PDB file of N, CA and C in Angstrom:
ATOM      1  N   MET A   1      -3.835  -9.480  34.764  1.00  0.00           N
ATOM      2  CA  MET A   1      -2.631  -8.674  34.725  1.00  0.00           C
ATOM      3  C   MET A   1      -1.406  -9.551  34.457  1.00  0.00           C
ATOM      4  N   LYS A   2      -1.361 -10.727  35.040  1.00  0.00           N
ATOM      5  CA  LYS A   2      -0.230 -11.613  34.828  1.00  0.00           C
ATOM      6  C   LYS A   2      -0.118 -12.058  33.380  1.00  0.00           C
ATOM      7  N   ALA A   3      -1.251 -12.141  32.692  1.00  0.00           N
ATOM      8  CA  ALA A   3      -1.262 -12.595  31.299  1.00  0.00           C
ATOM      9  C   ALA A   3      -0.896 -11.486  30.323  1.00  0.00           C
ATOM     10  N   GLY A   4      -0.595 -10.277  30.832  1.00  0.00           N
ATOM     11  CA  GLY A   4      -0.149  -9.213  29.950  1.00  0.00           C
ATOM     12  C   GLY A   4      -1.112  -8.059  29.805  1.00  0.00           C
ATOM     13  N   ALA A   5      -2.128  -7.978  30.662  1.00  0.00           N
ATOM     14  CA  ALA A   5      -3.043  -6.839  30.595  1.00  0.00           C
ATOM     15  C   ALA A   5      -2.280  -5.566  30.923  1.00  0.00           C
ATOM     16  N   PHE A   6      -2.609  -4.503  30.250  1.00  0.00           N
ATOM     17  CA  PHE A   6      -1.917  -3.242  30.465  1.00  0.00           C
ATOM     18  C   PHE A   6      -2.528  -2.448  31.612  1.00  0.00           C
ATOM     19  N   GLU A   7      -3.842  -2.444  31.666  1.00  0.00           N
ATOM     20  CA  GLU A   7      -4.520  -1.673  32.706  1.00  0.00           C
ATOM     21  C   GLU A   7      -5.865  -2.310  33.003  1.00  0.00           C
ATOM     22  N   PHE A   8      -6.374  -2.028  34.176  1.00  0.00           N
ATOM     23  CA  PHE A   8      -7.673  -2.532  34.600  1.00  0.00           C
ATOM     24  C   PHE A   8      -8.646  -1.351  34.640  1.00  0.00           C
ATOM     25  N   LEU A   9      -9.742  -1.481  33.904  1.00  0.00           N
ATOM     26  CA  LEU A   9     -10.759  -0.428  33.883  1.00  0.00           C
ATOM     27  C   LEU A   9     -12.073  -0.996  34.427  1.00  0.00           C
ATOM     28  N   THR A  10     -12.764  -0.195  35.216  1.00  0.00           N
ATOM     29  CA  THR A  10     -14.059  -0.629  35.723  1.00  0.00           C
ATOM     30  C   THR A  10     -15.141  -0.306  34.703  1.00  0.00           C
ATOM     31  N   LYS A  11     -16.212  -1.075  34.747  1.00  0.00           N
ATOM     32  CA  LYS A  11     -17.327  -0.854  33.822  1.00  0.00           C
ATOM     33  C   LYS A  11     -18.277   0.170  34.411  1.00  0.00           C
ATOM     34  N   PRO A  12     -18.895   0.956  33.651  1.00  0.00           N
ATOM     35  CA  PRO A  12     -18.516   1.304  32.279  1.00  0.00           C
ATOM     36  C   PRO A  12     -17.323   2.260  32.327  1.00  0.00           C
ATOM     37  N   PRO A  13     -16.347   2.071  31.441  1.00  0.00           N
ATOM     38  CA  PRO A  13     -15.173   2.940  31.473  1.00  0.00           C
ATOM     39  C   PRO A  13     -15.528   4.354  30.998  1.00  0.00           C
ATOM     40  N   LYS A  14     -14.922   5.321  31.623  1.00  0.00           N
ATOM     41  CA  LYS A  14     -15.098   6.703  31.178  1.00  0.00           C
ATOM     42  C   LYS A  14     -14.334   6.886  29.865  1.00  0.00           C
ATOM     43  N   ASP A  15     -14.917   7.644  28.927  1.00  0.00           N
ATOM     44  CA  ASP A  15     -14.327   7.807  27.602  1.00  0.00           C
ATOM     45  C   ASP A  15     -12.861   8.246  27.669  1.00  0.00           C
ATOM     46  N   ARG A  16     -12.610   9.282  28.434  1.00  0.00           N
ATOM     47  CA  ARG A  16     -11.253   9.850  28.510  1.00  0.00           C
ATOM     48  C   ARG A  16     -10.266   8.826  29.072  1.00  0.00           C
ATOM     49  N   ARG A  17     -10.675   8.128  30.105  1.00  0.00           N
ATOM     50  CA  ARG A  17      -9.794   7.136  30.723  1.00  0.00           C
ATOM     51  C   ARG A  17      -9.510   5.977  29.771  1.00  0.00           C
ATOM     52  N   LEU A  18     -10.524   5.564  29.024  1.00  0.00           N
ATOM     53  CA  LEU A  18     -10.350   4.485  28.046  1.00  0.00           C
ATOM     54  C   LEU A  18      -9.383   4.913  26.948  1.00  0.00           C
ATOM     55  N   ILE A  19      -9.565   6.099  26.416  1.00  0.00           N
ATOM     56  CA  ILE A  19      -8.690   6.609  25.358  1.00  0.00           C
ATOM     57  C   ILE A  19      -7.252   6.726  25.862  1.00  0.00           C
ATOM     58  N   ASP A  20      -7.077   7.256  27.072  1.00  0.00           N
ATOM     59  CA  ASP A  20      -5.730   7.377  27.648  1.00  0.00           C
ATOM     60  C   ASP A  20      -5.082   6.014  27.828  1.00  0.00           C
ATOM     61  N   ALA A  21      -5.852   5.045  28.283  1.00  0.00           N
ATOM     62  CA  ALA A  21      -5.329   3.694  28.493  1.00  0.00           C
ATOM     63  C   ALA A  21      -4.897   3.060  27.166  1.00  0.00           C
ATOM     64  N   VAL A  22      -5.709   3.259  26.123  1.00  0.00           N
ATOM     65  CA  VAL A  22      -5.372   2.712  24.806  1.00  0.00           C
ATOM     66  C   VAL A  22      -4.105   3.380  24.272  1.00  0.00           C
ATOM     67  N   ARG A  23      -4.001   4.699  24.424  1.00  0.00           N
ATOM     68  CA  ARG A  23      -2.792   5.413  23.968  1.00  0.00           C
ATOM     69  C   ARG A  23      -1.539   4.898  24.674  1.00  0.00           C
ATOM     70  N   ARG A  24      -1.622   4.741  26.007  1.00  0.00           N
ATOM     71  CA  ARG A  24      -0.465   4.240  26.754  1.00  0.00           C
ATOM     72  C   ARG A  24      -0.103   2.821  26.312  1.00  0.00           C
ATOM     73  N   ALA A  25      -1.116   2.002  26.065  1.00  0.00           N
ATOM     74  CA  ALA A  25      -0.861   0.627  25.627  1.00  0.00           C
ATOM     75  C   ALA A  25      -0.177   0.609  24.255  1.00  0.00           C
ATOM     76  N   ILE A  26      -0.627   1.463  23.358  1.00  0.00           N
ATOM     77  CA  ILE A  26      -0.019   1.536  22.024  1.00  0.00           C
ATOM     78  C   ILE A  26       1.429   2.018  22.123  1.00  0.00           C
ATOM     79  N   THR A  27       1.658   3.034  22.940  1.00  0.00           N
ATOM     80  CA  THR A  27       3.011   3.554  23.130  1.00  0.00           C
ATOM     81  C   THR A  27       3.925   2.480  23.707  1.00  0.00           C
ATOM     82  N   GLN A  28       3.422   1.776  24.722  1.00  0.00           N
ATOM     83  CA  GLN A  28       4.204   0.702  25.354  1.00  0.00           C
ATOM     84  C   GLN A  28       4.492  -0.408  24.347  1.00  0.00           C
ATOM     85  N   SER A  29       3.495  -0.773  23.558  1.00  0.00           N
ATOM     86  CA  SER A  29       3.670  -1.829  22.568  1.00  0.00           C
ATOM     87  C   SER A  29       4.699  -1.430  21.515  1.00  0.00           C
ATOM     88  N   ALA A  30       4.641  -0.197  21.055  1.00  0.00           N
ATOM     89  CA  ALA A  30       5.601   0.287  20.052  1.00  0.00           C
ATOM     90  C   ALA A  30       7.021   0.249  20.612  1.00  0.00           C
ATOM     91  N   ALA A  31       7.197   0.654  21.859  1.00  0.00           N
ATOM     92  CA  ALA A  31       8.519   0.634  22.487  1.00  0.00           C
ATOM     93  C   ALA A  31       9.027  -0.800  22.620  1.00  0.00           C
ATOM     94  N   THR A  32       8.158  -1.713  22.998  1.00  0.00           N
ATOM     95  CA  THR A  32       8.542  -3.119  23.143  1.00  0.00           C
ATOM     96  C   THR A  32       8.936  -3.711  21.799  1.00  0.00           C
ATOM     97  N   LEU A  33       8.173  -3.400  20.760  1.00  0.00           N
ATOM     98  CA  LEU A  33       8.500  -3.892  19.425  1.00  0.00           C
ATOM     99  C   LEU A  33       9.826  -3.334  18.931  1.00  0.00           C
ATOM    100  N   GLU A  34      10.112  -2.073  19.208  1.00  0.00           N
ATOM    101  CA  GLU A  34      11.369  -1.460  18.797  1.00  0.00           C
ATOM    102  C   GLU A  34      12.548  -2.095  19.528  1.00  0.00           C
ATOM    103  N   GLN A  35      12.376  -2.373  20.815  1.00  0.00           N
ATOM    104  CA  GLN A  35      13.443  -3.032  21.575  1.00  0.00           C
ATOM    105  C   GLN A  35      13.721  -4.430  21.022  1.00  0.00           C
ATOM    106  N   ALA A  36      12.673  -5.144  20.671  1.00  0.00           N
ATOM    107  CA  ALA A  36      12.837  -6.484  20.105  1.00  0.00           C
ATOM    108  C   ALA A  36      13.541  -6.412  18.753  1.00  0.00           C
ATOM    109  N   ALA A  37      13.188  -5.429  17.944  1.00  0.00           N
ATOM    110  CA  ALA A  37      13.829  -5.260  16.639  1.00  0.00           C
ATOM    111  C   ALA A  37      15.306  -4.912  16.809  1.00  0.00           C
ATOM    112  N   GLU A  38      15.621  -4.052  17.756  1.00  0.00           N
ATOM    113  CA  GLU A  38      17.014  -3.684  18.013  1.00  0.00           C
ATOM    114  C   GLU A  38      17.816  -4.893  18.478  1.00  0.00           C
ATOM    115  N   LEU A  39      17.229  -5.734  19.317  1.00  0.00           N
ATOM    116  CA  LEU A  39      17.918  -6.939  19.777  1.00  0.00           C
ATOM    117  C   LEU A  39      18.153  -7.898  18.608  1.00  0.00           C
ATOM    118  N   ARG A  40      17.197  -8.013  17.699  1.00  0.00           N
ATOM    119  CA  ARG A  40      17.387  -8.852  16.507  1.00  0.00           C
ATOM    120  C   ARG A  40      18.532  -8.325  15.658  1.00  0.00           C
ATOM    121  N   ARG A  41      18.610  -6.998  15.480  1.00  0.00           N
ATOM    122  CA  ARG A  41      19.711  -6.404  14.701  1.00  0.00           C
ATOM    123  C   ARG A  41      21.053  -6.667  15.391  1.00  0.00           C
ATOM    124  N   LEU A  42      21.070  -6.554  16.702  1.00  0.00           N
ATOM    125  CA  LEU A  42      22.290  -6.791  17.466  1.00  0.00           C
ATOM    126  C   LEU A  42      22.736  -8.249  17.333  1.00  0.00           C
ATOM    127  N   ARG A  43      21.797  -9.166  17.425  1.00  0.00           N
ATOM    128  CA  ARG A  43      22.127 -10.589  17.272  1.00  0.00           C
ATOM    129  C   ARG A  43      22.634 -10.892  15.862  1.00  0.00           C
ATOM    130  N   ALA A  44      22.073 -10.215  14.866  1.00  0.00           N
ATOM    131  CA  ALA A  44      22.530 -10.416  13.486  1.00  0.00           C
ATOM    132  C   ALA A  44      23.973  -9.942  13.331  1.00  0.00           C
ATOM    133  N   ARG A  45      24.315  -8.805  13.944  1.00  0.00           N
ATOM    134  CA  ARG A  45      25.696  -8.325  13.892  1.00  0.00           C
ATOM    135  C   ARG A  45      26.623  -9.308  14.600  1.00  0.00           C
ATOM    136  N   TYR A  46      26.202  -9.805  15.758  1.00  0.00           N
ATOM    137  CA  TYR A  46      27.008 -10.754  16.517  1.00  0.00           C
ATOM    138  C   TYR A  46      27.225 -12.040  15.709  1.00  0.00           C
ATOM    139  N   ALA A  47      26.234 -12.456  14.952  1.00  0.00           N
ATOM    140  CA  ALA A  47      26.334 -13.676  14.144  1.00  0.00           C
ATOM    141  C   ALA A  47      27.395 -13.544  13.053  1.00  0.00           C
ATOM    142  N   ARG A  48      27.726 -12.314  12.661  1.00  0.00           N
ATOM    143  CA  ARG A  48      28.755 -12.096  11.629  1.00  0.00           C
ATOM    144  C   ARG A  48      30.169 -12.281  12.174  1.00  0.00           C
ATOM    145  N   LEU A  49      30.327 -12.317  13.494  1.00  0.00           N
ATOM    146  CA  LEU A  49      31.654 -12.475  14.076  1.00  0.00           C
ATOM    147  C   LEU A  49      32.145 -13.906  13.920  1.00  0.00           C
ATOM    148  N   THR A  50      33.466 -14.045  13.752  1.00  0.00           N
ATOM    149  CA  THR A  50      34.062 -15.384  13.729  1.00  0.00           C
ATOM    150  C   THR A  50      34.085 -15.914  15.167  1.00  0.00           C
ATOM    151  N   PRO A  51      34.276 -17.213  15.336  1.00  0.00           N
ATOM    152  CA  PRO A  51      34.366 -17.749  16.699  1.00  0.00           C
ATOM    153  C   PRO A  51      35.456 -17.058  17.533  1.00  0.00           C
ATOM    154  N   ARG A  52      36.606 -16.787  16.941  1.00  0.00           N
ATOM    155  CA  ARG A  52      37.689 -16.126  17.672  1.00  0.00           C
ATOM    156  C   ARG A  52      37.292 -14.699  18.052  1.00  0.00           C
ATOM    157  N   GLN A  53      36.634 -13.993  17.143  1.00  0.00           N
ATOM    158  CA  GLN A  53      36.179 -12.633  17.442  1.00  0.00           C
ATOM    159  C   GLN A  53      35.161 -12.646  18.582  1.00  0.00           C
ATOM    160  N   ARG A  54      34.330 -13.661  18.637  1.00  0.00           N
ATOM    161  CA  ARG A  54      33.366 -13.780  19.733  1.00  0.00           C
ATOM    162  C   ARG A  54      34.091 -13.983  21.063  1.00  0.00           C
ATOM    163  N   GLU A  55      35.125 -14.815  21.044  1.00  0.00           N
ATOM    164  CA  GLU A  55      35.906 -15.021  22.263  1.00  0.00           C
ATOM    165  C   GLU A  55      36.547 -13.715  22.721  1.00  0.00           C
ATOM    166  N   VAL A  56      37.150 -13.002  21.782  1.00  0.00           N
ATOM    167  CA  VAL A  56      37.804 -11.731  22.106  1.00  0.00           C
ATOM    168  C   VAL A  56      36.777 -10.743  22.646  1.00  0.00           C
ATOM    169  N   MET A  57      35.630 -10.645  21.997  1.00  0.00           N
ATOM    170  CA  MET A  57      34.597  -9.718  22.460  1.00  0.00           C
ATOM    171  C   MET A  57      34.174 -10.037  23.888  1.00  0.00           C
ATOM    172  N   THR A  58      33.948 -11.308  24.153  1.00  0.00           N
ATOM    173  CA  THR A  58      33.511 -11.708  25.491  1.00  0.00           C
ATOM    174  C   THR A  58      34.546 -11.334  26.545  1.00  0.00           C
ATOM    175  N   LEU A  59      35.795 -11.632  26.288  1.00  0.00           N
ATOM    176  CA  LEU A  59      36.845 -11.365  27.269  1.00  0.00           C
ATOM    177  C   LEU A  59      37.105  -9.868  27.447  1.00  0.00           C
ATOM    178  N   VAL A  60      37.127  -9.143  26.343  1.00  0.00           N
ATOM    179  CA  VAL A  60      37.376  -7.694  26.414  1.00  0.00           C
ATOM    180  C   VAL A  60      36.252  -6.991  27.161  1.00  0.00           C
ATOM    181  N   THR A  61      35.015  -7.387  26.896  1.00  0.00           N
ATOM    182  CA  THR A  61      33.889  -6.722  27.549  1.00  0.00           C
ATOM    183  C   THR A  61      33.741  -7.135  29.010  1.00  0.00           C
ATOM    184  N   GLN A  62      34.464  -8.172  29.412  1.00  0.00           N
ATOM    185  CA  GLN A  62      34.493  -8.545  30.822  1.00  0.00           C
ATOM    186  C   GLN A  62      35.588  -7.786  31.570  1.00  0.00           C
ATOM    187  N   GLY A  63      36.311  -6.925  30.846  1.00  0.00           N
ATOM    188  CA  GLY A  63      37.301  -6.066  31.491  1.00  0.00           C
ATOM    189  C   GLY A  63      38.741  -6.514  31.369  1.00  0.00           C
ATOM    190  N   MET A  64      38.987  -7.534  30.600  1.00  0.00           N
ATOM    191  CA  MET A  64      40.363  -8.012  30.460  1.00  0.00           C
ATOM    192  C   MET A  64      41.149  -7.099  29.527  1.00  0.00           C
ATOM    193  N   LEU A  65      42.421  -6.924  29.829  1.00  0.00           N
ATOM    194  CA  LEU A  65      43.321  -6.156  28.968  1.00  0.00           C
ATOM    195  C   LEU A  65      43.721  -7.010  27.769  1.00  0.00           C
ATOM    196  N   ASN A  66      44.187  -6.359  26.700  1.00  0.00           N
ATOM    197  CA  ASN A  66      44.604  -7.095  25.505  1.00  0.00           C
ATOM    198  C   ASN A  66      45.647  -8.155  25.843  1.00  0.00           C
ATOM    199  N   LYS A  67      46.585  -7.811  26.708  1.00  0.00           N
ATOM    200  CA  LYS A  67      47.641  -8.743  27.113  1.00  0.00           C
ATOM    201  C   LYS A  67      47.032  -9.961  27.813  1.00  0.00           C
ATOM    202  N   GLN A  68      46.045  -9.732  28.653  1.00  0.00           N
ATOM    203  CA  GLN A  68      45.387 -10.828  29.370  1.00  0.00           C
ATOM    204  C   GLN A  68      44.580 -11.703  28.426  1.00  0.00           C
ATOM    205  N   VAL A  69      43.904 -11.068  27.467  1.00  0.00           N
ATOM    206  CA  VAL A  69      43.128 -11.821  26.474  1.00  0.00           C
ATOM    207  C   VAL A  69      44.069 -12.693  25.652  1.00  0.00           C
ATOM    208  N   ALA A  70      45.208 -12.135  25.246  1.00  0.00           N
ATOM    209  CA  ALA A  70      46.192 -12.892  24.467  1.00  0.00           C
ATOM    210  C   ALA A  70      46.672 -14.115  25.232  1.00  0.00           C
ATOM    211  N   ALA A  71      46.984 -13.929  26.522  1.00  0.00           N
ATOM    212  CA  ALA A  71      47.440 -15.061  27.333  1.00  0.00           C
ATOM    213  C   ALA A  71      46.336 -16.104  27.478  1.00  0.00           C
ATOM    214  N   GLU A  72      45.111 -15.649  27.682  1.00  0.00           N
ATOM    215  CA  GLU A  72      43.966 -16.563  27.836  1.00  0.00           C
ATOM    216  C   GLU A  72      43.731 -17.389  26.581  1.00  0.00           C
ATOM    217  N   LEU A  73      43.885 -16.762  25.417  1.00  0.00           N
ATOM    218  CA  LEU A  73      43.594 -17.432  24.153  1.00  0.00           C
ATOM    219  C   LEU A  73      44.821 -18.054  23.506  1.00  0.00           C
ATOM    220  N   GLY A  74      45.997 -17.839  24.083  1.00  0.00           N
ATOM    221  CA  GLY A  74      47.218 -18.418  23.526  1.00  0.00           C
ATOM    222  C   GLY A  74      47.620 -17.791  22.209  1.00  0.00           C
ATOM    223  N   THR A  75      47.477 -16.481  22.127  1.00  0.00           N
ATOM    224  CA  THR A  75      47.826 -15.755  20.911  1.00  0.00           C
ATOM    225  C   THR A  75      48.634 -14.516  21.294  1.00  0.00           C
ATOM    226  N   THR A  76      48.922 -13.673  20.328  1.00  0.00           N
ATOM    227  CA  THR A  76      49.705 -12.468  20.608  1.00  0.00           C
ATOM    228  C   THR A  76      48.783 -11.285  20.866  1.00  0.00           C
ATOM    229  N   GLU A  77      49.330 -10.294  21.520  1.00  0.00           N
ATOM    230  CA  GLU A  77      48.582  -9.070  21.798  1.00  0.00           C
ATOM    231  C   GLU A  77      48.204  -8.355  20.503  1.00  0.00           C
ATOM    232  N   ILE A  78      49.082  -8.425  19.521  1.00  0.00           N
ATOM    233  CA  ILE A  78      48.795  -7.789  18.224  1.00  0.00           C
ATOM    234  C   ILE A  78      47.579  -8.435  17.566  1.00  0.00           C
ATOM    235  N   MET A  79      47.490  -9.768  17.636  1.00  0.00           N
ATOM    236  CA  MET A  79      46.328 -10.452  17.049  1.00  0.00           C
ATOM    237  C   MET A  79      45.049 -10.098  17.799  1.00  0.00           C
ATOM    238  N   VAL A  80      45.150  -9.929  19.106  1.00  0.00           N
ATOM    239  CA  VAL A  80      43.979  -9.520  19.883  1.00  0.00           C
ATOM    240  C   VAL A  80      43.517  -8.144  19.421  1.00  0.00           C
ATOM    241  N   LYS A  81      44.458  -7.243  19.188  1.00  0.00           N
ATOM    242  CA  LYS A  81      44.111  -5.891  18.716  1.00  0.00           C
ATOM    243  C   LYS A  81      43.437  -5.952  17.349  1.00  0.00           C
ATOM    244  N   VAL A  82      43.927  -6.825  16.483  1.00  0.00           N
ATOM    245  CA  VAL A  82      43.315  -6.979  15.156  1.00  0.00           C
ATOM    246  C   VAL A  82      41.890  -7.498  15.297  1.00  0.00           C
ATOM    247  N   HIS A  83      41.722  -8.555  16.105  1.00  0.00           N
ATOM    248  CA  HIS A  83      40.377  -9.112  16.314  1.00  0.00           C
ATOM    249  C   HIS A  83      39.457  -8.073  16.950  1.00  0.00           C
ATOM    250  N   ARG A  84      39.987  -7.351  17.887  1.00  0.00           N
ATOM    251  CA  ARG A  84      39.187  -6.333  18.583  1.00  0.00           C
ATOM    252  C   ARG A  84      38.720  -5.251  17.605  1.00  0.00           C
ATOM    253  N   ARG A  85      39.604  -4.834  16.717  1.00  0.00           N
ATOM    254  CA  ARG A  85      39.240  -3.831  15.715  1.00  0.00           C
ATOM    255  C   ARG A  85      38.128  -4.358  14.804  1.00  0.00           C
ATOM    256  N   HIS A  86      38.246  -5.636  14.407  1.00  0.00           N
ATOM    257  CA  HIS A  86      37.204  -6.230  13.556  1.00  0.00           C
ATOM    258  C   HIS A  86      35.880  -6.364  14.308  1.00  0.00           C
ATOM    259  N   VAL A  87      35.949  -6.713  15.590  1.00  0.00           N
ATOM    260  CA  VAL A  87      34.744  -6.806  16.411  1.00  0.00           C
ATOM    261  C   VAL A  87      34.051  -5.455  16.472  1.00  0.00           C
ATOM    262  N   MET A  88      34.822  -4.407  16.722  1.00  0.00           N
ATOM    263  CA  MET A  88      34.247  -3.054  16.817  1.00  0.00           C
ATOM    264  C   MET A  88      33.549  -2.686  15.502  1.00  0.00           C
ATOM    265  N   ALA A  89      34.183  -3.005  14.385  1.00  0.00           N
ATOM    266  CA  ALA A  89      33.612  -2.663  13.073  1.00  0.00           C
ATOM    267  C   ALA A  89      32.346  -3.485  12.790  1.00  0.00           C
ATOM    268  N   LYS A  90      32.427  -4.788  12.978  1.00  0.00           N
ATOM    269  CA  LYS A  90      31.281  -5.641  12.673  1.00  0.00           C
ATOM    270  C   LYS A  90      30.097  -5.383  13.600  1.00  0.00           C
ATOM    271  N   MET A  91      30.379  -5.062  14.860  1.00  0.00           N
ATOM    272  CA  MET A  91      29.307  -4.789  15.818  1.00  0.00           C
ATOM    273  C   MET A  91      28.803  -3.349  15.704  1.00  0.00           C
ATOM    274  N   GLU A  92      29.502  -2.547  14.900  1.00  0.00           N
ATOM    275  CA  GLU A  92      29.152  -1.129  14.704  1.00  0.00           C
ATOM    276  C   GLU A  92      29.172  -0.380  16.034  1.00  0.00           C
ATOM    277  N   ALA A  93      30.187  -0.687  16.834  1.00  0.00           N
ATOM    278  CA  ALA A  93      30.351  -0.053  18.137  1.00  0.00           C
ATOM    279  C   ALA A  93      31.213   1.204  17.987  1.00  0.00           C
ATOM    280  N   ASP A  94      30.785   2.284  18.610  1.00  0.00           N
ATOM    281  CA  ASP A  94      31.526   3.535  18.549  1.00  0.00           C
ATOM    282  C   ASP A  94      32.647   3.600  19.577  1.00  0.00           C
ATOM    283  N   SER A  95      32.535   2.806  20.640  1.00  0.00           N
ATOM    284  CA  SER A  95      33.512   2.850  21.718  1.00  0.00           C
ATOM    285  C   SER A  95      33.448   1.548  22.506  1.00  0.00           C
ATOM    286  N   LEU A  96      34.415   1.357  23.384  1.00  0.00           N
ATOM    287  CA  LEU A  96      34.387   0.164  24.229  1.00  0.00           C
ATOM    288  C   LEU A  96      33.154   0.146  25.135  1.00  0.00           C
ATOM    289  N   PRO A  97      32.781   1.276  25.771  1.00  0.00           N
ATOM    290  CA  PRO A  97      31.546   1.246  26.567  1.00  0.00           C
ATOM    291  C   PRO A  97      30.311   0.859  25.735  1.00  0.00           C
ATOM    292  N   ASP A  98      30.285   1.291  24.487  1.00  0.00           N
ATOM    293  CA  ASP A  98      29.184   0.921  23.592  1.00  0.00           C
ATOM    294  C   ASP A  98      29.186  -0.593  23.369  1.00  0.00           C
ATOM    295  N   LEU A  99      30.362  -1.158  23.158  1.00  0.00           N
ATOM    296  CA  LEU A  99      30.484  -2.602  22.964  1.00  0.00           C
ATOM    297  C   LEU A  99      30.085  -3.359  24.239  1.00  0.00           C
ATOM    298  N   VAL A 100      30.432  -2.821  25.393  1.00  0.00           N
ATOM    299  CA  VAL A 100      30.062  -3.437  26.668  1.00  0.00           C
ATOM    300  C   VAL A 100      28.539  -3.467  26.816  1.00  0.00           C
ATOM    301  N   ARG A 101      27.876  -2.364  26.450  1.00  0.00           N
ATOM    302  CA  ARG A 101      26.405  -2.340  26.511  1.00  0.00           C
ATOM    303  C   ARG A 101      25.809  -3.408  25.591  1.00  0.00           C
ATOM    304  N   MET A 102      26.408  -3.564  24.411  1.00  0.00           N
ATOM    305  CA  MET A 102      25.936  -4.593  23.482  1.00  0.00           C
ATOM    306  C   MET A 102      26.116  -5.982  24.084  1.00  0.00           C
ATOM    307  N   ALA A 103      27.269  -6.211  24.690  1.00  0.00           N
ATOM    308  CA  ALA A 103      27.534  -7.510  25.312  1.00  0.00           C
ATOM    309  C   ALA A 103      26.531  -7.783  26.425  1.00  0.00           C
ATOM    310  N   ASP A 104      26.191  -6.758  27.188  1.00  0.00           N
ATOM    311  CA  ASP A 104      25.176  -6.913  28.241  1.00  0.00           C
ATOM    312  C   ASP A 104      23.839  -7.332  27.639  1.00  0.00           C
ATOM    313  N   ARG A 105      23.449  -6.659  26.575  1.00  0.00           N
ATOM    314  CA  ARG A 105      22.162  -6.991  25.928  1.00  0.00           C
ATOM    315  C   ARG A 105      22.162  -8.413  25.390  1.00  0.00           C
ATOM    316  N   LEU A 106      23.345  -8.880  24.942  1.00  0.00           N
ATOM    317  CA  LEU A 106      23.465 -10.235  24.384  1.00  0.00           C
ATOM    318  C   LEU A 106      23.685 -11.292  25.471  1.00  0.00           C
ATOM    319  N   GLY A 107      23.872 -10.844  26.704  1.00  0.00           N
ATOM    320  CA  GLY A 107      24.074 -11.788  27.805  1.00  0.00           C
ATOM    321  C   GLY A 107      25.478 -12.374  27.850  1.00  0.00           C
ATOM    322  N   LEU A 108      26.470 -11.662  27.324  1.00  0.00           N
ATOM    323  CA  LEU A 108      27.840 -12.165  27.298  1.00  0.00           C
ATOM    324  C   LEU A 108      28.633 -11.829  28.537  1.00  0.00           C
ATOM    325  N   ARG A 109      28.111 -10.973  29.386  1.00  0.00           N
ATOM    326  CA  ARG A 109      28.879 -10.498  30.539  1.00  0.00           C
ATOM    327  C   ARG A 109      28.347 -11.067  31.854  1.00  0.00           C
ATOM    328  N   SER A 110      27.860 -12.282  31.830  1.00  0.00           N
ATOM    329  CA  SER A 110      27.304 -12.863  33.054  1.00  0.00           C
ATOM    330  C   SER A 110      28.386 -13.200  34.068  1.00  0.00           C
ATOM    331  N   GLN A 111      29.608 -13.427  33.589  1.00  0.00           N
ATOM    332  CA  GLN A 111      30.710 -13.707  34.502  1.00  0.00           C
ATOM    333  C   GLN A 111      31.364 -12.407  34.930  1.00  0.00           C
ATOM    334  N   PRO A 112      31.878 -12.339  36.193  1.00  0.00           N
ATOM    335  CA  PRO A 112      32.549 -11.116  36.636  1.00  0.00           C
ATOM    336  C   PRO A 112      33.862 -10.910  35.922  1.00  0.00           C
TER     337      PRO A 112
END
C-alpha cells in the first residue's frame, strides 16, 4: 500500500470486486493525471511573468494592499496596479480569489 497500491484483494478475487477495483483505480489515475497537467499549465503561465510581476503576485496574494505592495517594492501604487493587471491577464485569473488559489497551488503563499 505504501508503494502506491490502490486496493488489496484476497485470492481468488471475485469478478465484480476486481472489476470495481480496476474502475476505481482508472478513475483515480485519470484524476491524478489531470491535476498534474493542470499544475504544469499553471507553472507555464507563471513562467511568463516578469520578475517584478512575480513579486507583485506574491505580495498581493498574501493579502497586501496595492499601497503596501508599492511601499514594499519601492514603486508607485499606479505601477503596482499595472503589474497586477498584467499578472491577472497572463495567469488567466478571473478574480483575485482565483489568483489566490493559483498562488496556493504554486506554493507562493507559505508566508502569512
